Amino acid sequence: MAEKKIIDWIAYVLLIIGGLNWGLYGLLNMDLVALLLGTIPILATIVYLLVGISAIYVLYVLVAKK
């Protein structure tokens, strides 16, 4: 198995954050990112953007290895 690079770990952590955020939103109607970073909307936007980029990166890695 190939060794994970730091970018892989960052992408996985961001995807976990995004998944937990969506789970909490669906279950409790609570947006964790907005709750933590609501007073700084640009940071919340950056987190959402990074989660989306991470999803694209992980999808690319999964497809490229096949």
N, C-alpha and C. Protein backbone atom coordinates (compact mmCIF):
# COMPACT_ATOMS: atom_id res chain seq x y z
N MET A 1 0.83 -1.18 0.00
CA MET A 1 0.00 0.00 0.00
C MET A 1 0.88 1.25 0.00
N ALA A 2 0.47 2.23 -0.74
CA ALA A 2 1.26 3.46 -0.85
C ALA A 2 1.18 4.27 0.44
N GLU A 3 2.28 4.91 0.77
CA GLU A 3 2.31 5.76 1.96
C GLU A 3 1.51 7.03 1.70
N LYS A 4 0.79 7.47 2.70
CA LYS A 4 -0.03 8.67 2.57
C LYS A 4 0.83 9.92 2.67
N LYS A 5 0.54 10.86 1.80
CA LYS A 5 1.21 12.16 1.85
C LYS A 5 0.44 13.08 2.78
N ILE A 6 1.07 14.15 3.18
CA ILE A 6 0.43 15.10 4.10
C ILE A 6 -0.83 15.70 3.47
N ILE A 7 -0.81 15.90 2.17
CA ILE A 7 -2.00 16.45 1.50
C ILE A 7 -3.17 15.47 1.57
N ASP A 8 -2.86 14.18 1.53
CA ASP A 8 -3.91 13.17 1.67
C ASP A 8 -4.55 13.27 3.05
N TRP A 9 -3.74 13.38 4.08
CA TRP A 9 -4.27 13.47 5.45
C TRP A 9 -5.08 14.74 5.64
N ILE A 10 -4.63 15.84 5.08
CA ILE A 10 -5.38 17.09 5.19
C ILE A 10 -6.74 16.94 4.51
N ALA A 11 -6.73 16.33 3.33
CA ALA A 11 -7.99 16.13 2.60
C ALA A 11 -8.93 15.23 3.40
N TYR A 12 -8.41 14.17 4.00
CA TYR A 12 -9.26 13.27 4.79
C TYR A 12 -9.85 13.98 6.00
N VAL A 13 -9.05 14.77 6.69
CA VAL A 13 -9.54 15.49 7.86
C VAL A 13 -10.63 16.48 7.46
N LEU A 14 -10.40 17.20 6.35
CA LEU A 14 -11.41 18.15 5.88
C LEU A 14 -12.70 17.44 5.47
N LEU A 15 -12.57 16.26 4.87
CA LEU A 15 -13.77 15.50 4.49
C LEU A 15 -14.52 15.01 5.72
N ILE A 16 -13.79 14.62 6.75
CA ILE A 16 -14.44 14.21 7.99
C ILE A 16 -15.18 15.39 8.61
N ILE A 17 -14.55 16.55 8.62
CA ILE A 17 -15.20 17.75 9.14
C ILE A 17 -16.47 18.04 8.35
N GLY A 18 -16.37 17.97 7.02
CA GLY A 18 -17.53 18.21 6.18
C GLY A 18 -18.63 17.19 6.40
N GLY A 19 -18.25 15.92 6.54
CA GLY A 19 -19.24 14.87 6.78
C GLY A 19 -19.94 15.04 8.12
N LEU A 20 -19.16 15.35 9.15
CA LEU A 20 -19.76 15.59 10.46
C LEU A 20 -20.68 16.80 10.44
N ASN A 21 -20.26 17.83 9.73
CA ASN A 21 -21.08 19.03 9.62
C ASN A 21 -22.42 18.72 8.95
N TRP A 22 -22.38 17.97 7.84
CA TRP A 22 -23.63 17.61 7.16
C TRP A 22 -24.49 16.69 8.01
N GLY A 23 -23.85 15.78 8.74
CA GLY A 23 -24.60 14.89 9.62
C GLY A 23 -25.31 15.65 10.72
N LEU A 24 -24.60 16.59 11.35
CA LEU A 24 -25.22 17.41 12.38
C LEU A 24 -26.31 18.30 11.82
N TYR A 25 -26.10 18.78 10.61
CA TYR A 25 -27.12 19.63 9.99
C TYR A 25 -28.38 18.82 9.70
N GLY A 26 -28.20 17.61 9.20
CA GLY A 26 -29.36 16.78 8.90
C GLY A 26 -30.07 16.29 10.14
N LEU A 27 -29.31 16.00 11.18
CA LEU A 27 -29.90 15.45 12.39
C LEU A 27 -30.47 16.53 13.32
N LEU A 28 -29.71 17.59 13.52
CA LEU A 28 -30.09 18.59 14.51
C LEU A 28 -30.32 19.98 13.91
N ASN A 29 -30.22 20.11 12.59
CA ASN A 29 -30.34 21.40 11.91
C ASN A 29 -29.32 22.40 12.48
N MET A 30 -28.10 21.89 12.76
CA MET A 30 -27.04 22.71 13.34
C MET A 30 -25.84 22.71 12.40
N ASP A 31 -25.45 23.88 11.96
CA ASP A 31 -24.28 24.03 11.09
C ASP A 31 -23.07 24.31 11.97
N LEU A 32 -22.24 23.29 12.18
CA LEU A 32 -21.12 23.39 13.10
C LEU A 32 -20.09 24.43 12.65
N VAL A 33 -19.81 24.48 11.36
CA VAL A 33 -18.84 25.45 10.85
C VAL A 33 -19.34 26.87 11.08
N ALA A 34 -20.59 27.11 10.77
CA ALA A 34 -21.17 28.44 10.99
C ALA A 34 -21.22 28.76 12.48
N LEU A 35 -21.47 27.75 13.30
CA LEU A 35 -21.52 27.97 14.74
C LEU A 35 -20.14 28.37 15.27
N LEU A 36 -19.09 27.69 14.79
CA LEU A 36 -17.74 27.99 15.26
C LEU A 36 -17.15 29.24 14.63
N LEU A 37 -17.47 29.48 13.36
CA LEU A 37 -16.86 30.59 12.63
C LEU A 37 -17.87 31.62 12.15
N GLY A 38 -19.05 31.62 12.73
CA GLY A 38 -20.12 32.50 12.29
C GLY A 38 -19.79 33.98 12.38
N THR A 39 -18.96 34.33 13.35
CA THR A 39 -18.62 35.74 13.49
C THR A 39 -17.58 36.18 12.47
N ILE A 40 -16.98 35.21 11.80
CA ILE A 40 -15.98 35.51 10.77
C ILE A 40 -16.42 34.78 9.48
N PRO A 41 -17.37 35.34 8.75
CA PRO A 41 -17.95 34.63 7.61
C PRO A 41 -16.95 34.24 6.52
N ILE A 42 -15.89 35.02 6.34
CA ILE A 42 -14.92 34.67 5.30
C ILE A 42 -14.19 33.38 5.66
N LEU A 43 -13.94 33.14 6.95
CA LEU A 43 -13.29 31.89 7.36
C LEU A 43 -14.22 30.70 7.14
N ALA A 44 -15.50 30.86 7.43
CA ALA A 44 -16.47 29.79 7.18
C ALA A 44 -16.52 29.48 5.69
N THR A 45 -16.51 30.50 4.86
CA THR A 45 -16.51 30.30 3.41
C THR A 45 -15.25 29.56 2.96
N ILE A 46 -14.12 29.91 3.54
CA ILE A 46 -12.86 29.24 3.19
C ILE A 46 -12.91 27.77 3.60
N VAL A 47 -13.45 27.48 4.78
CA VAL A 47 -13.57 26.08 5.22
C VAL A 47 -14.45 25.30 4.26
N TYR A 48 -15.60 25.87 3.88
CA TYR A 48 -16.49 25.18 2.93
C TYR A 48 -15.78 24.95 1.60
N LEU A 49 -15.04 25.93 1.14
CA LEU A 49 -14.31 25.80 -0.12
C LEU A 49 -13.24 24.71 -0.02
N LEU A 50 -12.51 24.67 1.08
CA LEU A 50 -11.47 23.65 1.27
C LEU A 50 -12.06 22.25 1.36
N VAL A 51 -13.22 22.12 1.99
CA VAL A 51 -13.89 20.82 2.05
C VAL A 51 -14.27 20.36 0.64
N GLY A 52 -14.79 21.27 -0.16
CA GLY A 52 -15.15 20.93 -1.55
C GLY A 52 -13.94 20.55 -2.37
N ILE A 53 -12.86 21.29 -2.24
CA ILE A 53 -11.62 20.98 -2.97
C ILE A 53 -11.08 19.63 -2.52
N SER A 54 -11.17 19.35 -1.22
CA SER A 54 -10.71 18.06 -0.70
C SER A 54 -11.51 16.91 -1.30
N ALA A 55 -12.80 17.10 -1.43
CA ALA A 55 -13.64 16.05 -2.03
C ALA A 55 -13.23 15.79 -3.47
N ILE A 56 -12.98 16.84 -4.22
CA ILE A 56 -12.54 16.69 -5.61
C ILE A 56 -11.18 15.99 -5.66
N TYR A 57 -10.27 16.37 -4.77
CA TYR A 57 -8.94 15.76 -4.73
C TYR A 57 -9.02 14.27 -4.42
N VAL A 58 -9.79 13.91 -3.38
CA VAL A 58 -9.90 12.50 -3.00
C VAL A 58 -10.59 11.70 -4.11
N LEU A 59 -11.59 12.26 -4.74
CA LEU A 59 -12.24 11.59 -5.86
C LEU A 59 -11.24 11.36 -7.00
N TYR A 60 -10.43 12.37 -7.30
CA TYR A 60 -9.40 12.24 -8.33
C TYR A 60 -8.41 11.14 -7.97
N VAL A 61 -7.96 11.12 -6.73
CA VAL A 61 -6.99 10.11 -6.29
C VAL A 61 -7.60 8.71 -6.42
N LEU A 62 -8.84 8.56 -6.02
CA LEU A 62 -9.50 7.25 -6.10
C LEU A 62 -9.66 6.79 -7.55
N VAL A 63 -10.04 7.71 -8.42
CA VAL A 63 -10.25 7.35 -9.84
C VAL A 63 -8.92 7.12 -10.53
N ALA A 64 -7.90 7.91 -10.22
CA ALA A 64 -6.62 7.81 -10.90
C ALA A 64 -5.89 6.53 -10.54
N LYS A 65 -6.16 5.95 -9.38
CA LYS A 65 -5.47 4.72 -8.96
C LYS A 65 -6.07 3.48 -9.57
N LYS A 66 -7.19 3.59 -10.24
CA LYS A 66 -7.82 2.40 -10.84
C LYS A 66 -7.37 2.14 -12.22
